[in-house]
Protein backbone atom coordinates (compact mmCIF):
# COMPACT_ATOMS: atom_id res chain seq x y z
CA MET A 1 -1.32 -31.49 -30.41
CA PHE A 2 0.63 -29.02 -32.59
CA GLN A 3 -2.42 -28.42 -34.71
CA ARG A 4 -4.54 -27.69 -31.62
CA HIS A 5 -2.13 -25.09 -30.34
CA MET A 6 -1.94 -23.56 -33.83
CA HIS A 7 -5.71 -23.45 -33.92
CA GLN A 8 -5.90 -21.62 -30.55
CA ALA A 9 -3.18 -19.19 -31.54
CA CYS A 10 -5.05 -18.38 -34.76
CA LEU A 11 -8.27 -17.81 -32.84
CA ALA A 12 -6.56 -15.41 -30.47
CA LEU A 13 -4.89 -13.53 -33.37
CA LEU A 14 -8.26 -13.35 -35.12
CA LEU A 15 -9.93 -11.86 -32.06
CA GLY A 16 -7.12 -9.27 -31.84
CA TRP A 17 -7.45 -8.18 -35.46
CA MET A 18 -11.24 -8.02 -35.11
CA VAL A 19 -10.93 -5.69 -32.13
CA LEU A 20 -8.69 -3.41 -34.20
CA LEU A 21 -11.58 -3.04 -36.64
CA GLU A 22 -14.72 -1.14 -35.92
CA SER A 23 -15.48 -1.22 -32.17
CA LYS A 24 -18.57 0.32 -30.58
CA ASP A 25 -18.31 1.63 -27.03
CA LEU A 26 -21.70 0.98 -25.45
CA SER A 27 -21.49 2.91 -22.21
CA ASP A 28 -19.24 4.68 -19.68
CA THR A 29 -17.04 2.83 -17.32
CA THR A 30 -18.89 0.34 -15.13
CA PRO A 31 -17.71 0.17 -11.48
CA LEU A 32 -17.16 -3.16 -9.85
CA VAL A 33 -16.10 -3.74 -6.22
CA GLY A 34 -14.80 -6.91 -4.65
CA PRO A 35 -13.20 -7.85 -1.27
CA VAL A 36 -9.73 -9.39 -0.97
CA GLY A 37 -10.06 -13.13 -1.09
CA GLY A 38 -13.61 -12.84 -2.44
CA GLU A 39 -15.08 -12.97 -5.89
CA VAL A 40 -16.72 -10.77 -8.58
CA THR A 41 -18.54 -11.30 -11.87
CA PHE A 42 -17.74 -9.35 -14.95
CA GLN A 43 -21.06 -9.03 -16.77
CA CYS A 44 -20.64 -8.46 -20.52
CA LEU A 45 -23.87 -9.52 -22.22
CA PHE A 46 -26.32 -6.84 -23.28
CA ASP A 47 -28.76 -8.53 -25.64
CA LEU A 48 -30.23 -11.74 -24.12
CA GLY A 49 -32.19 -12.34 -27.36
CA SER A 50 -29.08 -12.69 -29.48
CA SER A 51 -26.47 -15.45 -29.61
CA LEU A 52 -22.85 -14.67 -28.91
CA GLU A 53 -20.24 -15.61 -31.44
CA TRP A 54 -17.47 -14.70 -29.00
CA PHE A 55 -16.72 -12.43 -26.02
CA TYR A 56 -13.76 -12.10 -23.65
CA ILE A 57 -12.33 -9.99 -20.83
CA GLN A 58 -8.91 -8.41 -21.11
CA ARG A 59 -6.79 -6.19 -19.01
CA ARG A 60 -4.17 -3.95 -20.59
CA TYR A 61 -4.18 -6.25 -23.61
CA ASN A 62 -3.72 -9.29 -21.33
CA PHE A 63 -6.32 -11.97 -22.05
CA ILE A 64 -8.27 -12.98 -18.91
CA ASN A 65 -10.95 -15.42 -20.13
CA GLY A 66 -13.75 -15.65 -22.61
CA TYR A 67 -15.83 -17.72 -25.03
CA HIS A 68 -15.70 -18.56 -28.73
CA ILE A 69 -17.91 -20.93 -30.67
CA LYS A 70 -14.79 -22.65 -31.94
CA GLY A 71 -13.21 -22.86 -28.47
CA ILE A 72 -10.68 -20.73 -26.61
CA ASP A 73 -8.06 -21.57 -23.94
CA PRO A 74 -7.22 -19.06 -21.10
CA LYS A 75 -3.80 -19.27 -19.51
CA GLU A 76 -2.80 -17.10 -16.61
CA TYR A 77 -6.30 -16.95 -14.99
CA THR A 78 -7.38 -20.56 -15.68
CA ASN A 79 -7.52 -21.49 -11.97
CA ARG A 80 -9.29 -18.27 -10.87
CA THR A 81 -11.87 -17.62 -13.57
CA GLU A 82 -14.96 -19.30 -14.99
CA VAL A 83 -16.95 -18.38 -18.08
CA ASN A 84 -20.76 -18.46 -18.29
CA ARG A 85 -21.46 -18.21 -21.98
CA THR A 86 -25.26 -18.22 -21.63
CA GLN A 87 -25.09 -15.11 -19.45
CA GLY A 88 -22.07 -13.59 -21.12
CA SER A 89 -20.12 -13.23 -17.90
CA VAL A 90 -16.80 -14.19 -16.32
CA ARG A 91 -16.49 -14.98 -12.67
CA MET A 92 -13.17 -14.29 -10.91
CA TRP A 93 -12.41 -15.54 -7.37
CA ASP A 94 -9.61 -15.44 -4.85
CA LEU A 95 -9.25 -11.72 -5.51
CA GLN A 96 -5.93 -10.04 -4.83
CA LEU A 97 -4.93 -6.44 -4.61
CA SER A 98 -3.00 -6.79 -7.87
CA ASP A 99 -6.32 -7.56 -9.63
CA LYS A 100 -7.57 -3.96 -9.21
CA GLY A 101 -7.71 -1.79 -12.37
CA MET A 102 -9.49 -1.31 -15.68
CA TYR A 103 -10.84 -4.24 -17.62
CA GLU A 104 -12.37 -4.37 -21.07
CA CYS A 105 -15.13 -6.62 -22.24
CA LYS A 106 -15.34 -7.20 -26.02
CA MET A 107 -18.05 -9.22 -27.73
CA LYS A 108 -19.66 -10.01 -31.08
CA TYR A 109 -23.06 -11.48 -31.83
CA ILE A 110 -23.66 -14.02 -34.54
CA GLY A 111 -24.87 -12.43 -37.74
CA LYS A 112 -23.83 -8.88 -36.67
CA ASP A 113 -20.79 -6.99 -37.79
CA ASP A 114 -20.36 -4.65 -34.80
CA ILE A 115 -17.84 -5.48 -32.09
CA LEU A 116 -19.23 -4.22 -28.81
CA GLU A 117 -16.96 -3.02 -26.05
CA MET A 118 -17.43 -1.93 -22.50
CA LYS A 119 -15.03 -0.97 -19.70
CA ILE A 120 -15.18 -2.22 -16.11
CA ASN A 121 -13.17 -0.69 -13.33
CA LEU A 122 -12.45 -3.17 -10.58
CA THR A 123 -11.78 -1.87 -7.07
CA ILE A 124 -10.38 -4.20 -4.39
CA ILE A 125 -11.28 -3.42 -0.80
CA ALA A 126 -10.29 -4.98 2.50
CA ASN A 127 -12.90 -6.90 4.50
CA ASN A 128 -14.15 -4.61 7.28
CA ARG A 129 -13.72 -7.23 9.97
CA VAL A 130 -14.22 -6.17 13.59
CA PRO A 131 -10.95 -6.11 15.55
CA ASN A 132 -10.64 -8.89 18.09
CA VAL A 133 -9.88 -7.89 21.70
CA THR A 134 -8.74 -10.09 24.62
CA VAL A 135 -8.30 -8.92 28.23
CA THR A 136 -6.04 -10.57 30.88
CA CYS A 137 -5.70 -9.15 34.36
CA VAL A 138 -3.41 -10.28 37.11
CA SER A 139 -3.47 -8.40 40.42
CA SER A 140 -3.33 -4.68 39.53
CA LEU A 141 -2.03 -5.19 35.99
CA CYS A 142 -4.15 -5.67 32.87
CA TRP A 143 -3.01 -6.61 29.33
CA VAL A 144 -5.44 -5.70 26.55
CA THR A 145 -4.59 -7.06 23.05
CA CYS A 146 -6.24 -5.83 19.85
CA SER A 147 -5.65 -7.89 16.63
CA TYR A 148 -6.89 -7.14 13.15
CA LEU A 149 -6.42 -9.17 9.95
CA GLY A 150 -6.72 -7.81 6.44
CA ASP A 151 -5.62 -4.18 6.80
CA TYR A 152 -5.29 -2.29 3.51
CA PRO A 153 -4.02 0.32 3.02
CA HIS A 154 -1.83 0.22 6.15
CA LYS A 155 -3.36 1.92 9.17
CA GLU A 156 -2.57 2.24 12.87
CA VAL A 157 -4.50 0.77 15.75
CA GLN A 158 -6.34 3.47 17.68
CA TRP A 159 -7.38 3.04 21.36
CA SER A 160 -10.38 4.74 22.91
CA THR A 161 -11.49 4.88 26.60
CA PHE A 162 -14.85 5.56 28.18
CA PRO A 163 -14.67 7.73 30.15
CA HIS A 164 -11.40 9.27 28.98
CA GLN A 165 -8.39 8.07 30.85
CA ASN A 166 -4.89 9.43 31.35
CA GLU A 167 -2.66 7.14 29.28
CA SER A 168 0.56 7.98 31.18
CA GLN A 169 0.35 4.63 32.95
CA TRP A 170 0.00 2.75 29.67
CA LYS A 171 2.65 0.84 27.82
CA VAL A 172 1.76 0.07 24.21
CA ASN A 173 3.52 -2.50 22.02
CA SER A 174 2.40 -2.68 18.34
CA SER A 175 3.52 -4.85 15.46
CA ASP A 176 2.40 -5.64 11.91
CA GLU A 177 3.13 -8.32 9.34
CA MET A 178 2.45 -8.28 5.63
CA ASP A 179 0.80 -11.14 3.79
CA THR A 180 2.84 -11.30 0.57
CA ALA A 181 0.14 -13.22 -1.27
CA TYR A 182 -2.60 -10.68 -0.72
CA GLN A 183 -0.36 -7.67 0.16
CA MET A 184 -2.39 -6.98 3.26
CA TYR A 185 -1.30 -6.34 6.89
CA SER A 186 -2.01 -8.20 10.05
CA LEU A 187 -1.99 -5.78 13.03
CA VAL A 188 -1.46 -6.56 16.74
CA SER A 189 -1.38 -3.96 19.51
CA THR A 190 -1.10 -4.71 23.23
CA VAL A 191 -1.68 -2.20 26.01
CA LYS A 192 -0.29 -2.87 29.48
CA ILE A 193 -2.31 -0.95 32.12
CA ASN A 194 -1.37 -0.33 35.75
CA CYS A 195 -4.71 -0.32 37.53
CA SER A 196 -3.29 0.47 40.99
CA SER A 197 -4.41 4.05 40.86
CA MET A 198 -7.19 3.80 38.29
CA MET A 199 -10.93 3.22 38.48
CA LYS A 200 -12.88 0.86 36.31
CA PHE A 201 -13.35 2.00 32.73
CA ASN A 202 -14.18 0.66 29.26
CA LEU A 203 -11.71 0.26 26.41
CA SER A 204 -12.06 -0.42 22.64
CA CYS A 205 -9.74 -0.36 19.68
CA GLY A 206 -10.26 0.68 16.07
CA VAL A 207 -8.62 0.26 12.71
CA GLY A 208 -9.95 2.61 10.10
CA GLY A 209 -13.67 2.44 10.28
CA ALA A 210 -13.77 -0.93 12.05
CA VAL A 211 -14.26 -0.58 15.80
CA SER A 212 -14.25 -3.39 18.39
CA GLU A 213 -16.75 -3.81 21.24
CA GLN A 214 -16.02 -2.13 24.54
CA HIS A 215 -14.28 -4.19 27.22
CA THR A 216 -14.16 -3.37 30.93
CA VAL A 217 -10.74 -3.22 32.62
CA CYS A 218 -9.41 -2.32 36.11
CA VAL A 219 -12.37 -3.93 37.81
CA ALA A 220 -11.88 -3.96 41.62
CA LEU A 221 -11.42 -7.48 43.02
CA PRO A 222 -14.11 -8.54 45.51
CA ASP A 223 -13.38 -8.31 49.30
CA PRO A 224 -12.19 -11.86 50.12
CA THR A 225 -13.85 -11.56 53.57
CA THR A 226 -17.25 -11.24 51.91
CA HIS A 227 -16.90 -14.29 49.64
CA PRO A 228 -19.78 -16.77 50.37
CA LEU A 229 -17.51 -19.77 50.61
CA ILE A 230 -15.20 -17.98 53.01
CA VAL A 231 -18.14 -16.81 55.14
CA VAL A 232 -19.52 -20.34 55.37
CA SER A 233 -16.08 -21.66 56.28
CA LEU A 234 -15.73 -19.04 59.04
CA VAL A 235 -19.18 -19.97 60.41
CA VAL A 236 -18.28 -23.67 60.43
CA VAL A 237 -14.96 -23.00 62.15
CA LEU A 238 -16.66 -20.82 64.78
CA PHE A 239 -19.28 -23.53 65.32
CA VAL A 240 -16.62 -26.20 65.80
CA ILE A 241 -14.75 -24.00 68.22
CA CYS A 242 -17.91 -23.40 70.17
CA VAL A 243 -18.63 -27.11 70.22
CA ILE A 244 -15.12 -27.81 71.48
CA CYS A 245 -15.39 -25.17 74.17
CA ILE A 246 -18.75 -26.35 75.40
CA ALA A 247 -17.48 -30.00 75.40
CA ALA A 248 -14.36 -28.92 77.35
CA PHE A 249 -16.51 -27.02 79.84
CA MET A 250 -18.82 -29.99 80.31
CA ILE A 251 -15.94 -32.38 80.77
CA LYS A 252 -14.31 -30.07 83.34
CA LYS A 253 -17.58 -29.70 85.19
CA TYR A 254 -18.19 -33.45 85.16
CA ARG A 255 -14.71 -34.06 86.56
CA SER A 256 -15.28 -31.43 89.23
CA LEU A 257 -18.54 -33.01 90.33
CA ARG A 258 -17.01 -36.45 90.34
CA HIS A 259 -14.13 -35.28 92.47
CA THR A 260 -16.55 -33.71 94.94
CA ASN A 261 -18.53 -36.87 95.17
CA ASP A 262 -15.40 -38.90 95.77
CA MET A 263 -14.39 -36.58 98.57
CA GLU A 264 -17.78 -36.92 100.24
CA LYS A 265 -17.61 -40.69 100.08
CA GLU A 266 -14.22 -40.71 101.78
CA GLU A 267 -15.53 -38.45 104.60
CA MET A 268 -18.62 -40.61 105.41
CA PRO A 269 -16.77 -43.53 107.12
CA GLU A 270 -14.88 -41.07 109.33
CA ARG A 271 -18.16 -39.49 110.43
CA GLU A 272 -19.65 -42.91 111.27
CA GLN A 273 -16.69 -43.79 113.50
CA LEU A 274 -16.95 -40.59 115.41
CA THR A 275 -20.56 -41.19 116.14
C-alpha cells in the first residue's frame, strides 16, 4: 500500500516538473458553458492519430482528473469527474457555481517531447426555467403566486398586467431562500388582488429573461339565476306547484259537486210528499 501511494506521488511530481519544462500553448482560451446541476466535457485531445502518454485537467494548480499510462489517482473530484482516454476528455457533472473559472489542459504524446497546453474558461449559468404561477380566487379576492427555482445571480420577481392595471389594490409578499449547496436562490412572490372594483385582466411574472404564461384573474362569477341546474330546478318546482294547485282545484270542485248532489237527494223525498 505504501509503495502504491509513493508511486502515485512520484507520478504527480513528475507531471509537475514536466509542465515546468517547455510547454506549447496551442490556442487562445476556449469557452465552455454549463448549467448548474448539469455537466460539461473538457476536450483536450488534438491529434486523434497519435497516442497519449498522459494528459490532465487542472485549475489554479489543483489537479482535477487525467490519464497516465502508468496510472493516476484523482482526489477531490473523484465522484464528479470521469476520464475518456481514447478521446482525451474529462467529463464533469453536478456542476456548482464554485466550478466556474479558468482550467488548463496539459498533455503529452508518446514519442514526442512537446508538452501541449490549452486553456478552458468554464462559465456556470442558471437554468432558464419558466416561473410557475398558481391562481386561487375566493369571492372578490384573488391570490396569485409566482415561484422560481434556480435564480443566479439574485434577481427580483417582476409582475406584468395586460392591459395595464392600477396596482394600488395589490398586496405583494415576496421571499427568497438560498441553496447553500449550489449557491442559488428560490424565489416566491404572492400578489393579493381585490377584484371588487376591477375588471378581468391577464397577469404574468418574470425573473430575468424567464417569463411565465399569462393567467386570467378577476373573472366575474356567473349569474346564479342563469345556471342550468338552477333553471331546471326552478322549472321542476313550478311544475310541482302547478300540479298541486290543479289537484287542489279538482278536489275542491269534486267536493262541491258531491255536496250539491247530496243536497238534491235530500230534497227529493220532500217533494214527493208534497205531491
